[in-house]
Amino acid sequence: MISKCLMWRKPVGKMKIVDRLQQFIEDEALSCSMDFGCITPLYVYRMWGGAVALEDIEIGLKEIKNGCR
């Protein structure tokens, strides 16, 4: 049986993508009234200045949504 969690833990600098995404989501929630559903991969990609591949962000957000943290 294949797990729904890919355990995407590709390092980005000193932080792993999923950890960095989780922190970003928490920071966005604290700084404004943005709902988690409004944080799209493209929004994150633009906010991070294209430093992380869009497909990596998509995978990381799916893991967080699926509770694979």
N, C-alpha and C. Protein backbone atom coordinates (compact mmCIF):
# COMPACT_ATOMS: atom_id res chain seq x y z
N MET A 1 0.84 -1.18 0.00
CA MET A 1 0.00 0.00 0.00
C MET A 1 0.88 1.24 0.00
N ILE A 2 0.58 2.17 -0.87
CA ILE A 2 1.35 3.41 -0.98
C ILE A 2 0.71 4.45 -0.07
N SER A 3 1.53 5.07 0.73
CA SER A 3 1.05 6.11 1.62
C SER A 3 0.68 7.35 0.82
N LYS A 4 -0.37 8.07 1.27
CA LYS A 4 -0.76 9.31 0.61
C LYS A 4 0.26 10.40 0.88
N CYS A 5 1.10 10.21 1.86
CA CYS A 5 2.12 11.19 2.23
C CYS A 5 3.43 10.88 1.51
N LEU A 6 3.94 11.84 0.81
CA LEU A 6 5.19 11.65 0.08
C LEU A 6 6.40 11.92 0.96
N MET A 7 6.14 12.46 2.16
CA MET A 7 7.21 12.82 3.09
C MET A 7 8.21 13.74 2.39
N TRP A 8 7.70 14.76 1.74
CA TRP A 8 8.50 15.70 0.98
C TRP A 8 9.31 16.55 1.94
N ARG A 9 10.56 16.28 2.02
CA ARG A 9 11.41 16.99 2.96
C ARG A 9 12.66 17.50 2.27
N LYS A 10 12.50 18.02 1.07
CA LYS A 10 13.63 18.56 0.32
C LYS A 10 14.13 19.83 0.99
N PRO A 11 15.40 19.89 1.37
CA PRO A 11 15.91 21.08 2.07
C PRO A 11 15.92 22.32 1.19
N VAL A 12 15.58 23.44 1.78
CA VAL A 12 15.70 24.76 1.14
C VAL A 12 16.49 25.59 2.13
N GLY A 13 17.75 25.75 1.85
CA GLY A 13 18.61 26.41 2.82
C GLY A 13 18.70 25.52 4.04
N LYS A 14 18.41 26.07 5.21
CA LYS A 14 18.46 25.29 6.43
C LYS A 14 17.10 24.69 6.78
N MET A 15 16.05 25.15 6.12
CA MET A 15 14.71 24.65 6.41
C MET A 15 14.23 23.75 5.29
N LYS A 16 13.41 22.78 5.63
CA LYS A 16 12.81 21.92 4.63
C LYS A 16 11.56 22.61 4.09
N ILE A 17 11.18 22.30 2.86
CA ILE A 17 10.08 22.99 2.21
C ILE A 17 8.81 22.95 3.04
N VAL A 18 8.44 21.78 3.53
CA VAL A 18 7.19 21.67 4.30
C VAL A 18 7.26 22.53 5.56
N ASP A 19 8.39 22.53 6.22
CA ASP A 19 8.55 23.36 7.42
C ASP A 19 8.46 24.85 7.07
N ARG A 20 9.10 25.22 5.98
CA ARG A 20 9.08 26.61 5.55
C ARG A 20 7.66 27.03 5.14
N LEU A 21 6.93 26.14 4.46
CA LEU A 21 5.55 26.43 4.07
C LEU A 21 4.66 26.58 5.30
N GLN A 22 4.84 25.69 6.27
CA GLN A 22 4.03 25.76 7.49
C GLN A 22 4.27 27.08 8.20
N GLN A 23 5.51 27.50 8.28
CA GLN A 23 5.83 28.77 8.91
C GLN A 23 5.23 29.93 8.13
N PHE A 24 5.30 29.87 6.80
CA PHE A 24 4.73 30.91 5.95
C PHE A 24 3.22 31.03 6.17
N ILE A 25 2.53 29.89 6.23
CA ILE A 25 1.08 29.89 6.43
C ILE A 25 0.74 30.50 7.79
N GLU A 26 1.48 30.12 8.81
CA GLU A 26 1.25 30.68 10.15
C GLU A 26 1.49 32.19 10.17
N ASP A 27 2.56 32.62 9.51
CA ASP A 27 2.86 34.05 9.45
C ASP A 27 1.78 34.83 8.70
N GLU A 28 1.29 34.27 7.61
CA GLU A 28 0.23 34.92 6.84
C GLU A 28 -1.05 35.01 7.67
N ALA A 29 -1.36 33.97 8.41
CA ALA A 29 -2.56 33.97 9.25
C ALA A 29 -2.47 35.03 10.34
N LEU A 30 -1.27 35.23 10.88
CA LEU A 30 -1.09 36.23 11.92
C LEU A 30 -1.08 37.67 11.39
N SER A 31 -0.58 37.85 10.18
CA SER A 31 -0.40 39.20 9.66
C SER A 31 -1.64 39.77 8.97
N CYS A 32 -2.56 38.91 8.59
CA CYS A 32 -3.77 39.40 7.91
C CYS A 32 -4.90 38.40 8.09
N SER A 33 -6.01 38.68 7.47
CA SER A 33 -7.18 37.81 7.63
C SER A 33 -7.25 36.76 6.52
N MET A 34 -6.12 36.38 5.96
CA MET A 34 -6.09 35.42 4.87
C MET A 34 -6.41 34.02 5.37
N ASP A 35 -7.28 33.35 4.68
CA ASP A 35 -7.67 31.98 4.98
C ASP A 35 -6.67 31.03 4.31
N PHE A 36 -6.43 29.87 4.93
CA PHE A 36 -5.50 28.90 4.35
C PHE A 36 -5.87 28.55 2.92
N GLY A 37 -7.15 28.46 2.63
CA GLY A 37 -7.60 28.13 1.28
C GLY A 37 -7.21 29.16 0.23
N CYS A 38 -6.90 30.36 0.67
CA CYS A 38 -6.50 31.42 -0.26
C CYS A 38 -5.01 31.39 -0.58
N ILE A 39 -4.26 30.60 0.15
CA ILE A 39 -2.81 30.52 -0.09
C ILE A 39 -2.57 29.44 -1.14
N THR A 40 -2.34 29.90 -2.35
CA THR A 40 -2.13 28.99 -3.47
C THR A 40 -0.63 28.80 -3.72
N PRO A 41 -0.28 27.74 -4.44
CA PRO A 41 1.13 27.55 -4.78
C PRO A 41 1.71 28.76 -5.53
N LEU A 42 0.93 29.33 -6.43
CA LEU A 42 1.42 30.48 -7.19
C LEU A 42 1.64 31.69 -6.28
N TYR A 43 0.76 31.90 -5.31
CA TYR A 43 0.92 33.00 -4.35
C TYR A 43 2.22 32.82 -3.57
N VAL A 44 2.47 31.60 -3.07
CA VAL A 44 3.70 31.33 -2.32
C VAL A 44 4.92 31.54 -3.21
N TYR A 45 4.86 31.02 -4.42
CA TYR A 45 5.96 31.16 -5.38
C TYR A 45 6.31 32.63 -5.59
N ARG A 46 5.30 33.45 -5.77
CA ARG A 46 5.54 34.89 -5.99
C ARG A 46 6.07 35.56 -4.73
N MET A 47 5.52 35.22 -3.58
CA MET A 47 5.96 35.82 -2.32
C MET A 47 7.41 35.45 -2.01
N TRP A 48 7.83 34.26 -2.41
CA TRP A 48 9.19 33.80 -2.18
C TRP A 48 10.13 34.22 -3.31
N GLY A 49 9.63 34.98 -4.26
CA GLY A 49 10.46 35.50 -5.33
C GLY A 49 10.97 34.44 -6.29
N GLY A 50 10.26 33.34 -6.42
CA GLY A 50 10.66 32.28 -7.35
C GLY A 50 11.85 31.47 -6.89
N ALA A 51 12.20 31.57 -5.61
CA ALA A 51 13.39 30.87 -5.10
C ALA A 51 13.18 29.36 -4.98
N VAL A 52 11.92 28.92 -4.95
CA VAL A 52 11.59 27.50 -4.84
C VAL A 52 10.71 27.14 -6.02
N ALA A 53 10.95 25.99 -6.63
CA ALA A 53 10.17 25.56 -7.79
C ALA A 53 8.69 25.44 -7.44
N LEU A 54 7.84 25.86 -8.36
CA LEU A 54 6.40 25.83 -8.16
C LEU A 54 5.91 24.42 -7.85
N GLU A 55 6.42 23.43 -8.54
CA GLU A 55 5.97 22.05 -8.30
C GLU A 55 6.36 21.57 -6.91
N ASP A 56 7.49 22.01 -6.39
CA ASP A 56 7.88 21.65 -5.02
C ASP A 56 6.92 22.28 -4.00
N ILE A 57 6.52 23.50 -4.27
CA ILE A 57 5.56 24.18 -3.39
C ILE A 57 4.22 23.45 -3.43
N GLU A 58 3.78 23.06 -4.63
CA GLU A 58 2.51 22.33 -4.77
C GLU A 58 2.52 21.05 -3.96
N ILE A 59 3.59 20.30 -4.05
CA ILE A 59 3.71 19.03 -3.32
C ILE A 59 3.70 19.29 -1.81
N GLY A 60 4.45 20.29 -1.38
CA GLY A 60 4.51 20.61 0.04
C GLY A 60 3.16 21.03 0.60
N LEU A 61 2.42 21.86 -0.14
CA LEU A 61 1.10 22.29 0.32
C LEU A 61 0.12 21.12 0.38
N LYS A 62 0.23 20.18 -0.56
CA LYS A 62 -0.63 18.99 -0.54
C LYS A 62 -0.34 18.15 0.71
N GLU A 63 0.92 18.03 1.05
CA GLU A 63 1.28 17.28 2.26
C GLU A 63 0.72 17.92 3.51
N ILE A 64 0.81 19.22 3.59
CA ILE A 64 0.26 19.93 4.76
C ILE A 64 -1.25 19.73 4.80
N LYS A 65 -1.91 19.86 3.66
CA LYS A 65 -3.37 19.69 3.58
C LYS A 65 -3.79 18.28 3.99
N ASN A 66 -2.99 17.29 3.61
CA ASN A 66 -3.30 15.89 3.92
C ASN A 66 -2.89 15.49 5.33
N GLY A 67 -2.31 16.41 6.07
CA GLY A 67 -1.91 16.13 7.44
C GLY A 67 -0.66 15.29 7.54
N CYS A 68 0.24 15.43 6.60
CA CYS A 68 1.46 14.63 6.55
C CYS A 68 2.63 15.34 7.21
N ARG A 69 2.36 16.17 8.16
CA ARG A 69 3.44 16.91 8.85
C ARG A 69 4.01 16.07 9.92
